[in-house]
């Protein structure tokens, strides 16, 4: 059974999460929720993968919809966008002793410096939040992590991250909307979307 977030208001994106066990087919689990959210029979939902492996949602007569999902630990998060390209990432909060080494290797110098200024526990949580934000944008864009985590830059803002610069192929930072949240205890997630068409 999926639980939905209400904190997105009446915007162009809906999301929901549920329990997940390693080895389950995420696609099979998200299909009924997508069908219910769209008000169609599950048999009418076509999910195909593009050449990069990104899921493509096809519903007859409903070309403007996009879907994306992510799983980590024992949680699965799915998002449905209306008139937007949507990406989502969820991460289980677990010890990450190599967080700073990964940040140095994959993030921008400014992001790594911002993380290094934090206490170790806070830095690990901030690392996960930043990873979620970057992956959500890259999944919405359609390239995923292979595009390069350093090709978009976030700056610490309050208790979160704000997109401040990105490769022109991603558009401008102002084109993107991001929503960071904790869907359930022990997990962080980010939804990212931008208008299409």
N, C-alpha and C. Protein backbone atom coordinates (compact mmCIF):
# COMPACT_ATOMS: atom_id res chain seq x y z
N UNK A 1 0.84 -1.18 0.00
CA UNK A 1 0.00 0.00 0.00
C UNK A 1 0.88 1.24 0.00
N UNK A 2 0.60 2.18 -0.90
CA UNK A 2 1.35 3.43 -1.00
C UNK A 2 0.79 4.48 -0.06
N UNK A 3 1.68 5.31 0.46
CA UNK A 3 1.30 6.51 1.21
C UNK A 3 1.69 7.70 0.35
N UNK A 4 0.81 8.70 0.25
CA UNK A 4 1.09 9.87 -0.58
C UNK A 4 1.47 11.06 0.28
N UNK A 5 2.29 11.95 -0.31
CA UNK A 5 2.61 13.19 0.37
C UNK A 5 1.59 14.25 0.00
N UNK A 6 1.22 15.05 0.96
CA UNK A 6 0.28 16.15 0.69
C UNK A 6 1.01 17.49 0.69
N UNK A 7 2.30 17.50 0.97
CA UNK A 7 3.03 18.75 1.10
C UNK A 7 3.34 19.40 -0.24
N UNK A 8 3.04 18.73 -1.35
CA UNK A 8 3.29 19.32 -2.66
C UNK A 8 2.12 20.18 -3.12
N UNK A 9 1.02 20.19 -2.37
CA UNK A 9 -0.13 20.99 -2.74
C UNK A 9 -0.75 20.50 -4.04
N UNK A 10 -1.25 21.42 -4.83
CA UNK A 10 -1.92 21.08 -6.08
C UNK A 10 -0.98 21.27 -7.26
N UNK A 11 0.30 21.10 -7.06
CA UNK A 11 1.30 21.29 -8.11
C UNK A 11 1.26 20.21 -9.16
N UNK A 12 2.23 20.24 -10.08
CA UNK A 12 2.23 19.30 -11.20
C UNK A 12 2.79 17.92 -10.88
N UNK A 13 3.18 17.68 -9.63
CA UNK A 13 3.81 16.40 -9.27
C UNK A 13 3.10 15.79 -8.07
N UNK A 14 2.86 14.49 -8.15
CA UNK A 14 2.37 13.70 -7.03
C UNK A 14 3.43 12.64 -6.72
N UNK A 15 3.54 12.28 -5.46
CA UNK A 15 4.46 11.19 -5.14
C UNK A 15 3.90 10.35 -4.01
N UNK A 16 4.39 9.13 -3.96
CA UNK A 16 3.95 8.18 -2.94
C UNK A 16 5.09 7.21 -2.66
N UNK A 17 5.02 6.55 -1.51
CA UNK A 17 6.05 5.57 -1.16
C UNK A 17 5.41 4.37 -0.49
N UNK A 18 6.16 3.30 -0.47
CA UNK A 18 5.70 2.06 0.14
C UNK A 18 6.89 1.22 0.56
N UNK A 19 6.59 0.14 1.29
CA UNK A 19 7.63 -0.82 1.66
C UNK A 19 8.16 -1.50 0.40
N UNK A 20 9.42 -1.86 0.47
CA UNK A 20 10.07 -2.51 -0.67
C UNK A 20 11.04 -3.55 -0.13
N UNK A 21 11.09 -4.68 -0.79
CA UNK A 21 12.05 -5.72 -0.42
C UNK A 21 12.98 -5.97 -1.59
N UNK A 22 14.24 -6.11 -1.28
CA UNK A 22 15.25 -6.37 -2.31
C UNK A 22 14.80 -7.52 -3.21
N UNK A 23 14.93 -7.32 -4.49
CA UNK A 23 14.55 -8.35 -5.46
C UNK A 23 13.16 -8.16 -6.03
N UNK A 24 12.32 -7.33 -5.39
CA UNK A 24 11.00 -7.09 -5.94
C UNK A 24 11.13 -6.25 -7.21
N UNK A 25 10.17 -6.39 -8.11
CA UNK A 25 10.13 -5.57 -9.31
C UNK A 25 9.47 -4.24 -8.97
N UNK A 26 10.28 -3.17 -8.96
CA UNK A 26 9.73 -1.85 -8.66
C UNK A 26 8.67 -1.48 -9.68
N UNK A 27 8.91 -1.80 -10.93
CA UNK A 27 7.95 -1.48 -11.99
C UNK A 27 6.59 -2.12 -11.73
N UNK A 28 6.61 -3.37 -11.32
CA UNK A 28 5.34 -4.06 -11.02
C UNK A 28 4.63 -3.42 -9.83
N UNK A 29 5.39 -2.90 -8.89
CA UNK A 29 4.80 -2.26 -7.71
C UNK A 29 4.23 -0.88 -8.01
N UNK A 30 4.89 -0.12 -8.90
CA UNK A 30 4.42 1.24 -9.17
C UNK A 30 3.26 1.28 -10.16
N UNK A 31 3.15 0.28 -11.00
CA UNK A 31 2.12 0.28 -12.04
C UNK A 31 0.70 0.48 -11.47
N UNK A 32 0.28 -0.25 -10.42
CA UNK A 32 -1.08 -0.04 -9.90
C UNK A 32 -1.29 1.37 -9.35
N UNK A 33 -0.27 1.94 -8.70
CA UNK A 33 -0.42 3.30 -8.19
C UNK A 33 -0.56 4.29 -9.32
N UNK A 34 0.26 4.14 -10.37
CA UNK A 34 0.16 5.02 -11.53
C UNK A 34 -1.23 4.93 -12.16
N UNK A 35 -1.74 3.70 -12.29
CA UNK A 35 -3.07 3.51 -12.88
C UNK A 35 -4.14 4.20 -12.04
N UNK A 36 -4.05 4.04 -10.73
CA UNK A 36 -5.03 4.69 -9.84
C UNK A 36 -4.92 6.21 -9.92
N UNK A 37 -3.68 6.72 -9.90
CA UNK A 37 -3.47 8.17 -9.95
C UNK A 37 -3.99 8.77 -11.26
N UNK A 38 -3.89 8.01 -12.35
CA UNK A 38 -4.33 8.50 -13.65
C UNK A 38 -5.78 8.13 -13.95
N UNK A 39 -6.38 7.29 -13.12
CA UNK A 39 -7.76 6.88 -13.34
C UNK A 39 -7.94 5.99 -14.55
N UNK A 40 -6.97 5.12 -14.78
CA UNK A 40 -7.05 4.19 -15.91
C UNK A 40 -6.82 2.77 -15.42
N UNK A 41 -7.13 1.81 -16.26
CA UNK A 41 -6.85 0.42 -15.95
C UNK A 41 -5.34 0.17 -16.02
N UNK A 42 -4.83 -0.63 -15.12
CA UNK A 42 -3.39 -0.91 -15.09
C UNK A 42 -2.90 -1.47 -16.42
N UNK A 43 -3.75 -2.18 -17.15
CA UNK A 43 -3.35 -2.74 -18.44
C UNK A 43 -3.10 -1.63 -19.47
N UNK A 44 -3.65 -0.44 -19.22
CA UNK A 44 -3.45 0.67 -20.13
C UNK A 44 -2.17 1.44 -19.90
N UNK A 45 -1.43 1.07 -18.86
CA UNK A 45 -0.15 1.73 -18.55
C UNK A 45 0.96 1.00 -19.29
N UNK A 46 1.68 1.71 -20.12
CA UNK A 46 2.84 1.13 -20.81
C UNK A 46 4.09 1.81 -20.27
N UNK A 47 4.99 1.00 -19.75
CA UNK A 47 6.27 1.49 -19.25
C UNK A 47 7.37 0.87 -20.09
N UNK A 48 8.09 1.72 -20.80
CA UNK A 48 9.20 1.26 -21.62
C UNK A 48 10.47 1.96 -21.14
N UNK A 49 11.60 1.42 -21.49
CA UNK A 49 12.89 2.03 -21.12
C UNK A 49 13.50 2.66 -22.37
N UNK A 50 14.04 3.87 -22.21
CA UNK A 50 14.74 4.48 -23.33
C UNK A 50 16.15 3.90 -23.40
N UNK A 51 16.95 4.40 -24.31
CA UNK A 51 18.29 3.82 -24.50
C UNK A 51 19.20 3.99 -23.30
N UNK A 52 18.87 4.92 -22.41
CA UNK A 52 19.67 5.11 -21.20
C UNK A 52 19.08 4.34 -20.01
N UNK A 53 17.96 3.67 -20.22
CA UNK A 53 17.33 2.89 -19.15
C UNK A 53 16.29 3.64 -18.35
N UNK A 54 16.01 4.91 -18.73
CA UNK A 54 15.02 5.69 -17.99
C UNK A 54 13.61 5.20 -18.37
N UNK A 55 12.74 5.03 -17.37
CA UNK A 55 11.38 4.61 -17.69
C UNK A 55 10.61 5.70 -18.45
N UNK A 56 9.86 5.28 -19.44
CA UNK A 56 9.00 6.16 -20.22
C UNK A 56 7.57 5.70 -20.04
N UNK A 57 6.72 6.60 -19.57
CA UNK A 57 5.32 6.29 -19.32
C UNK A 57 4.50 6.64 -20.56
N UNK A 58 3.71 5.69 -21.01
CA UNK A 58 2.80 5.90 -22.15
C UNK A 58 1.41 5.49 -21.72
N UNK A 59 0.50 6.44 -21.80
CA UNK A 59 -0.91 6.18 -21.52
C UNK A 59 -1.70 6.78 -22.67
N UNK A 60 -2.46 5.95 -23.40
CA UNK A 60 -3.20 6.48 -24.55
C UNK A 60 -4.02 7.72 -24.18
N UNK A 61 -3.83 8.78 -24.97
CA UNK A 61 -4.57 10.02 -24.75
C UNK A 61 -4.02 10.90 -23.64
N UNK A 62 -2.89 10.50 -23.04
CA UNK A 62 -2.33 11.26 -21.92
C UNK A 62 -0.82 11.44 -22.10
N UNK A 63 -0.44 12.08 -23.16
CA UNK A 63 0.99 12.21 -23.51
C UNK A 63 1.76 13.12 -22.57
N UNK A 64 1.08 13.94 -21.79
CA UNK A 64 1.79 14.94 -20.99
C UNK A 64 2.33 14.40 -19.67
N UNK A 65 2.12 13.13 -19.35
CA UNK A 65 2.52 12.60 -18.06
C UNK A 65 3.90 11.94 -18.11
N UNK A 66 4.61 12.05 -16.99
CA UNK A 66 5.93 11.44 -16.85
C UNK A 66 5.99 10.79 -15.47
N UNK A 67 6.74 9.71 -15.36
CA UNK A 67 6.87 9.00 -14.08
C UNK A 67 8.33 8.64 -13.84
N UNK A 68 8.67 8.53 -12.56
CA UNK A 68 10.01 8.13 -12.17
C UNK A 68 9.92 7.50 -10.79
N UNK A 69 10.85 6.61 -10.46
CA UNK A 69 10.85 5.99 -9.14
C UNK A 69 12.26 5.66 -8.71
N UNK A 70 12.38 5.38 -7.42
CA UNK A 70 13.67 5.08 -6.80
C UNK A 70 13.42 4.19 -5.60
N UNK A 71 14.37 3.32 -5.30
CA UNK A 71 14.27 2.53 -4.08
C UNK A 71 15.62 2.46 -3.39
N UNK A 72 15.55 2.35 -2.08
CA UNK A 72 16.74 2.25 -1.24
C UNK A 72 16.32 1.59 0.06
N UNK A 73 17.18 0.75 0.59
CA UNK A 73 16.83 0.06 1.83
C UNK A 73 15.53 -0.70 1.65
N UNK A 74 14.54 -0.36 2.47
CA UNK A 74 13.24 -1.05 2.40
C UNK A 74 12.13 -0.09 1.99
N UNK A 75 12.46 0.90 1.15
CA UNK A 75 11.46 1.88 0.72
C UNK A 75 11.53 2.10 -0.79
N UNK A 76 10.36 2.31 -1.37
CA UNK A 76 10.20 2.61 -2.79
C UNK A 76 9.42 3.91 -2.91
N UNK A 77 9.94 4.85 -3.69
CA UNK A 77 9.31 6.15 -3.90
C UNK A 77 8.99 6.29 -5.38
N UNK A 78 7.78 6.73 -5.70
CA UNK A 78 7.37 6.93 -7.09
C UNK A 78 6.80 8.33 -7.25
N UNK A 79 7.04 8.94 -8.41
CA UNK A 79 6.51 10.28 -8.70
C UNK A 79 5.83 10.27 -10.06
N UNK A 80 4.78 11.08 -10.16
CA UNK A 80 4.02 11.24 -11.39
C UNK A 80 3.95 12.73 -11.68
N UNK A 81 4.42 13.13 -12.86
CA UNK A 81 4.41 14.54 -13.24
C UNK A 81 3.41 14.81 -14.35
N UNK A 82 2.76 15.97 -14.29
CA UNK A 82 1.79 16.39 -15.28
C UNK A 82 2.35 17.62 -16.01
N UNK A 83 2.79 17.42 -17.25
CA UNK A 83 3.36 18.52 -18.02
C UNK A 83 4.78 18.86 -17.64
N UNK A 84 5.41 17.98 -16.89
CA UNK A 84 6.78 18.18 -16.45
C UNK A 84 7.59 16.90 -16.63
N UNK A 85 8.90 17.06 -16.75
CA UNK A 85 9.82 15.92 -16.64
C UNK A 85 10.13 15.81 -15.15
N UNK A 86 9.98 14.62 -14.60
CA UNK A 86 10.13 14.44 -13.16
C UNK A 86 11.22 13.40 -12.86
N UNK A 87 11.95 13.66 -11.79
CA UNK A 87 12.95 12.72 -11.31
C UNK A 87 12.84 12.63 -9.80
N UNK A 88 13.19 11.48 -9.26
CA UNK A 88 13.06 11.27 -7.82
C UNK A 88 14.21 10.39 -7.33
N UNK A 89 14.67 10.67 -6.13
CA UNK A 89 15.65 9.80 -5.49
C UNK A 89 15.32 9.69 -4.02
N UNK A 90 15.45 8.48 -3.50
CA UNK A 90 15.29 8.22 -2.07
C UNK A 90 16.54 7.50 -1.60
N UNK A 91 17.00 7.86 -0.43
CA UNK A 91 18.20 7.22 0.14
C UNK A 91 17.96 6.89 1.60
N UNK A 92 18.35 5.69 1.95
CA UNK A 92 18.30 5.21 3.33
C UNK A 92 19.45 5.85 4.09
N UNK A 93 19.16 6.42 5.25
CA UNK A 93 20.20 7.03 6.08
C UNK A 93 20.91 5.94 6.85
N UNK A 94 22.11 5.64 6.44
CA UNK A 94 22.96 4.64 7.07
C UNK A 94 24.35 5.23 7.16
N UNK A 95 25.22 4.68 7.97
CA UNK A 95 26.58 5.24 8.06
C UNK A 95 27.26 5.25 6.69
N UNK A 96 27.88 6.36 6.38
CA UNK A 96 28.61 6.52 5.12
C UNK A 96 30.00 7.07 5.43
N UNK A 97 30.89 6.21 5.90
CA UNK A 97 32.22 6.68 6.30
C UNK A 97 33.03 7.25 5.13
N UNK A 98 32.65 6.93 3.90
CA UNK A 98 33.37 7.43 2.73
C UNK A 98 32.70 8.65 2.10
N UNK A 99 31.76 9.27 2.81
CA UNK A 99 31.00 10.39 2.24
C UNK A 99 31.91 11.50 1.74
N UNK A 100 32.89 11.92 2.51
CA UNK A 100 33.75 13.03 2.10
C UNK A 100 34.64 12.63 0.92
N UNK A 101 35.09 11.39 0.90
CA UNK A 101 35.90 10.93 -0.24
C UNK A 101 35.05 10.94 -1.51
N UNK A 102 33.80 10.51 -1.40
CA UNK A 102 32.90 10.52 -2.56
C UNK A 102 32.59 11.95 -2.99
N UNK A 103 32.38 12.83 -2.02
CA UNK A 103 32.11 14.24 -2.34
C UNK A 103 33.30 14.84 -3.10
N UNK A 104 34.50 14.58 -2.61
CA UNK A 104 35.69 15.11 -3.26
C UNK A 104 35.81 14.60 -4.69
N UNK A 105 35.43 13.36 -4.90
CA UNK A 105 35.57 12.75 -6.23
C UNK A 105 34.47 13.19 -7.19
N UNK A 106 33.22 13.32 -6.71
CA UNK A 106 32.09 13.51 -7.62
C UNK A 106 31.40 14.87 -7.55
N UNK A 107 31.53 15.60 -6.44
CA UNK A 107 30.84 16.87 -6.30
C UNK A 107 31.76 18.02 -6.71
N UNK A 108 31.22 19.23 -6.74
CA UNK A 108 32.05 20.39 -7.06
C UNK A 108 32.90 20.77 -5.85
N UNK A 109 33.93 21.55 -6.09
CA UNK A 109 34.80 21.98 -4.99
C UNK A 109 34.02 22.78 -3.95
N UNK A 110 33.12 23.65 -4.39
CA UNK A 110 32.35 24.47 -3.45
C UNK A 110 31.44 23.60 -2.58
N UNK A 111 30.83 22.58 -3.17
CA UNK A 111 29.97 21.67 -2.40
C UNK A 111 30.79 20.89 -1.38
N UNK A 112 31.95 20.40 -1.80
CA UNK A 112 32.80 19.65 -0.89
C UNK A 112 33.28 20.52 0.26
N UNK A 113 33.60 21.77 -0.03
CA UNK A 113 34.02 22.71 1.01
C UNK A 113 32.89 22.94 2.01
N UNK A 114 31.67 23.11 1.50
CA UNK A 114 30.52 23.33 2.39
C UNK A 114 30.30 22.12 3.29
N UNK A 115 30.43 20.91 2.75
CA UNK A 115 30.27 19.70 3.56
C UNK A 115 31.37 19.59 4.61
N UNK A 116 32.60 19.94 4.23
CA UNK A 116 33.75 19.82 5.15
C UNK A 116 33.63 20.73 6.36
N UNK A 117 32.83 21.77 6.26
CA UNK A 117 32.65 22.71 7.38
C UNK A 117 31.69 22.18 8.44
N UNK A 118 31.01 21.08 8.14
CA UNK A 118 30.01 20.53 9.06
C UNK A 118 30.62 19.48 9.97
N UNK A 119 29.99 19.27 11.12
CA UNK A 119 30.38 18.17 12.01
C UNK A 119 30.15 16.86 11.25
N UNK A 120 30.93 15.81 11.55
CA UNK A 120 30.85 14.57 10.78
C UNK A 120 29.43 14.00 10.60
N UNK A 121 28.63 13.91 11.65
CA UNK A 121 27.28 13.38 11.51
C UNK A 121 26.42 14.25 10.62
N UNK A 122 26.52 15.57 10.81
CA UNK A 122 25.75 16.50 9.98
C UNK A 122 26.22 16.45 8.53
N UNK A 123 27.53 16.25 8.34
CA UNK A 123 28.08 16.18 6.99
C UNK A 123 27.55 14.96 6.24
N UNK A 124 27.42 13.82 6.93
CA UNK A 124 26.89 12.62 6.28
C UNK A 124 25.45 12.83 5.83
N UNK A 125 24.62 13.42 6.70
CA UNK A 125 23.22 13.68 6.35
C UNK A 125 23.14 14.69 5.21
N UNK A 126 23.95 15.74 5.27
CA UNK A 126 23.97 16.76 4.21
C UNK A 126 24.45 16.15 2.89
N UNK A 127 25.42 15.25 2.96
CA UNK A 127 25.90 14.55 1.77
C UNK A 127 24.75 13.78 1.11
N UNK A 128 23.99 13.05 1.92
CA UNK A 128 22.87 12.27 1.38
C UNK A 128 21.82 13.19 0.76
N UNK A 129 21.51 14.29 1.43
CA UNK A 129 20.53 15.24 0.89
C UNK A 129 21.01 15.82 -0.44
N UNK A 130 22.29 16.14 -0.52
CA UNK A 130 22.84 16.68 -1.76
C UNK A 130 22.84 15.62 -2.86
N UNK A 131 23.21 14.41 -2.52
CA UNK A 131 23.18 13.31 -3.50
C UNK A 131 21.77 13.13 -4.05
N UNK A 132 20.77 13.13 -3.16
CA UNK A 132 19.36 12.99 -3.59
C UNK A 132 18.98 14.10 -4.56
N UNK A 133 19.35 15.32 -4.23
CA UNK A 133 19.00 16.46 -5.08
C UNK A 133 19.62 16.33 -6.46
N UNK A 134 20.91 16.01 -6.50
CA UNK A 134 21.60 15.87 -7.78
C UNK A 134 21.01 14.73 -8.60
N UNK A 135 20.80 13.58 -7.96
CA UNK A 135 20.29 12.44 -8.72
C UNK A 135 18.87 12.69 -9.22
N UNK A 136 18.03 13.35 -8.44
CA UNK A 136 16.66 13.63 -8.87
C UNK A 136 16.66 14.51 -10.12
N UNK A 137 17.50 15.57 -10.14
CA UNK A 137 17.58 16.43 -11.33
C UNK A 137 18.08 15.64 -12.53
N UNK A 138 19.13 14.86 -12.33
CA UNK A 138 19.71 14.11 -13.45
C UNK A 138 18.76 13.04 -13.98
N UNK A 139 17.96 12.45 -13.11
CA UNK A 139 16.98 11.47 -13.58
C UNK A 139 15.85 12.15 -14.34
N UNK A 140 15.43 13.33 -13.89
CA UNK A 140 14.40 14.08 -14.62
C UNK A 140 14.93 14.48 -16.00
N UNK A 141 16.19 14.86 -16.05
CA UNK A 141 16.83 15.24 -17.31
C UNK A 141 16.90 14.06 -18.27
N UNK A 142 17.03 12.87 -17.74
CA UNK A 142 17.03 11.68 -18.57
C UNK A 142 18.36 10.99 -18.73
N UNK A 143 19.42 11.61 -18.24
CA UNK A 143 20.75 11.00 -18.38
C UNK A 143 21.16 10.21 -17.15
N UNK A 144 20.68 10.57 -16.00
CA UNK A 144 21.09 9.91 -14.77
C UNK A 144 22.50 10.29 -14.37
N UNK A 145 23.07 9.50 -13.48
CA UNK A 145 24.38 9.81 -12.91
C UNK A 145 25.49 9.87 -13.95
N UNK A 146 25.33 9.17 -15.07
CA UNK A 146 26.38 9.17 -16.09
C UNK A 146 26.62 10.56 -16.68
N UNK A 147 25.68 11.47 -16.54
CA UNK A 147 25.84 12.84 -17.05
C UNK A 147 26.94 13.57 -16.28
N UNK A 148 27.08 13.23 -14.99
CA UNK A 148 28.12 13.83 -14.16
C UNK A 148 27.55 14.64 -13.03
N UNK A 149 27.82 14.21 -11.81
CA UNK A 149 27.32 14.91 -10.63
C UNK A 149 27.92 16.30 -10.48
N UNK A 150 29.08 16.53 -11.09
CA UNK A 150 29.74 17.83 -10.99
C UNK A 150 29.23 18.83 -12.03
N UNK A 151 28.29 18.43 -12.88
CA UNK A 151 27.78 19.32 -13.92
C UNK A 151 26.56 20.12 -13.46
N UNK A 152 26.26 20.00 -12.17
CA UNK A 152 25.27 20.86 -11.54
C UNK A 152 25.78 21.16 -10.14
N UNK A 153 25.55 22.38 -9.69
CA UNK A 153 26.10 22.80 -8.40
C UNK A 153 25.01 23.34 -7.49
N UNK A 154 25.05 22.90 -6.26
CA UNK A 154 24.13 23.34 -5.23
C UNK A 154 24.89 24.13 -4.17
N UNK A 155 24.20 25.05 -3.53
CA UNK A 155 24.78 25.80 -2.42
C UNK A 155 23.92 25.55 -1.18
N UNK A 156 24.57 25.48 -0.03
CA UNK A 156 23.83 25.29 1.23
C UNK A 156 22.96 26.51 1.47
N UNK A 157 21.68 26.26 1.74
CA UNK A 157 20.71 27.32 2.03
C UNK A 157 19.89 26.88 3.22
N UNK A 158 20.09 27.52 4.36
CA UNK A 158 19.37 27.12 5.57
C UNK A 158 19.72 25.69 5.92
N UNK A 159 18.72 24.83 5.97
CA UNK A 159 18.98 23.42 6.30
C UNK A 159 18.88 22.53 5.06
N UNK A 160 19.02 23.11 3.88
CA UNK A 160 18.94 22.32 2.65
C UNK A 160 19.91 22.81 1.59
N UNK A 161 19.62 22.46 0.35
CA UNK A 161 20.49 22.79 -0.78
C UNK A 161 19.64 23.47 -1.86
N UNK A 162 20.23 24.47 -2.53
CA UNK A 162 19.57 25.17 -3.63
C UNK A 162 20.43 25.03 -4.88
N UNK A 163 19.80 24.72 -6.01
CA UNK A 163 20.51 24.62 -7.28
C UNK A 163 20.93 26.03 -7.72
N UNK A 164 22.23 26.24 -7.92
CA UNK A 164 22.73 27.57 -8.26
C UNK A 164 23.42 27.63 -9.62
N UNK A 165 23.84 26.50 -10.16
CA UNK A 165 24.50 26.49 -11.47
C UNK A 165 24.36 25.10 -12.08
N UNK A 166 24.27 25.07 -13.42
CA UNK A 166 24.22 23.76 -14.07
C UNK A 166 24.66 23.87 -15.52
N UNK A 167 25.05 22.75 -16.06
CA UNK A 167 25.41 22.63 -17.45
C UNK A 167 24.25 23.15 -18.30
N UNK A 168 24.52 23.90 -19.38
CA UNK A 168 23.44 24.43 -20.21
C UNK A 168 22.49 23.35 -20.73
N UNK A 169 22.96 22.13 -20.89
CA UNK A 169 22.08 21.05 -21.35
C UNK A 169 20.95 20.78 -20.35
N UNK A 170 21.16 21.14 -19.10
CA UNK A 170 20.13 20.98 -18.07
C UNK A 170 19.18 22.17 -18.00
N UNK A 171 19.47 23.21 -18.79
CA UNK A 171 18.69 24.44 -18.70
C UNK A 171 19.30 25.34 -17.65
N UNK A 172 18.49 26.26 -17.13
CA UNK A 172 18.95 27.19 -16.10
C UNK A 172 18.45 26.71 -14.74
N UNK A 173 19.17 27.04 -13.66
CA UNK A 173 18.69 26.64 -12.33
C UNK A 173 17.25 27.06 -12.05
N UNK A 174 16.85 28.23 -12.55
CA UNK A 174 15.48 28.71 -12.31
C UNK A 174 14.42 27.85 -12.99
N UNK A 175 14.83 27.02 -13.97
CA UNK A 175 13.88 26.14 -14.66
C UNK A 175 13.43 24.98 -13.77
N UNK A 176 14.18 24.71 -12.71
CA UNK A 176 13.96 23.52 -11.89
C UNK A 176 13.23 23.84 -10.59
N UNK A 177 12.33 22.95 -10.23
CA UNK A 177 11.69 22.98 -8.91
C UNK A 177 12.15 21.73 -8.17
N UNK A 178 12.52 21.89 -6.91
CA UNK A 178 12.95 20.75 -6.10
C UNK A 178 12.20 20.74 -4.78
N UNK A 179 11.90 19.55 -4.32
CA UNK A 179 11.23 19.38 -3.03
C UNK A 179 11.96 18.29 -2.27
N UNK A 180 12.68 18.67 -1.22
CA UNK A 180 13.41 17.72 -0.37
C UNK A 180 12.54 17.42 0.83
N UNK A 181 12.48 16.14 1.22
CA UNK A 181 11.65 15.76 2.35
C UNK A 181 12.08 14.40 2.88
N UNK A 182 11.52 14.04 4.02
CA UNK A 182 11.76 12.73 4.62
C UNK A 182 10.43 11.98 4.59
N UNK A 183 10.25 11.06 3.63
CA UNK A 183 8.96 10.39 3.51
C UNK A 183 8.65 9.46 4.68
N UNK A 184 9.68 8.93 5.31
CA UNK A 184 9.51 8.10 6.50
C UNK A 184 10.81 8.12 7.29
N UNK A 185 10.73 7.73 8.54
CA UNK A 185 11.89 7.80 9.43
C UNK A 185 13.07 7.05 8.84
N UNK A 186 14.24 7.69 8.86
CA UNK A 186 15.45 7.06 8.39
C UNK A 186 15.70 7.17 6.90
N UNK A 187 14.93 8.00 6.20
CA UNK A 187 15.09 8.17 4.76
C UNK A 187 15.03 9.64 4.38
N UNK A 188 15.80 10.01 3.37
CA UNK A 188 15.71 11.33 2.76
C UNK A 188 15.35 11.14 1.29
N UNK A 189 14.64 12.10 0.74
CA UNK A 189 14.23 12.02 -0.66
C UNK A 189 14.18 13.41 -1.27
N UNK A 190 14.29 13.47 -2.58
CA UNK A 190 14.10 14.71 -3.32
C UNK A 190 13.34 14.41 -4.60
N UNK A 191 12.38 15.28 -4.89
CA UNK A 191 11.68 15.31 -6.17
C UNK A 191 12.21 16.49 -6.95
N UNK A 192 12.45 16.33 -8.25
CA UNK A 192 12.87 17.43 -9.10
C UNK A 192 12.02 17.41 -10.35
N UNK A 193 11.63 18.59 -10.80
CA UNK A 193 10.85 18.65 -12.04
C UNK A 193 11.07 19.98 -12.75
N UNK A 194 10.83 19.95 -14.06
CA UNK A 194 10.83 21.18 -14.87
C UNK A 194 9.80 21.02 -15.97
N UNK A 195 9.24 22.13 -16.38
CA UNK A 195 8.23 22.14 -17.43
C UNK A 195 8.81 21.64 -18.74
N UNK A 196 7.99 20.97 -19.50
CA UNK A 196 8.40 20.49 -20.83
C UNK A 196 7.40 21.03 -21.85
N UNK A 197 7.84 21.08 -23.11
CA UNK A 197 6.96 21.50 -24.19
C UNK A 197 6.85 22.97 -24.37
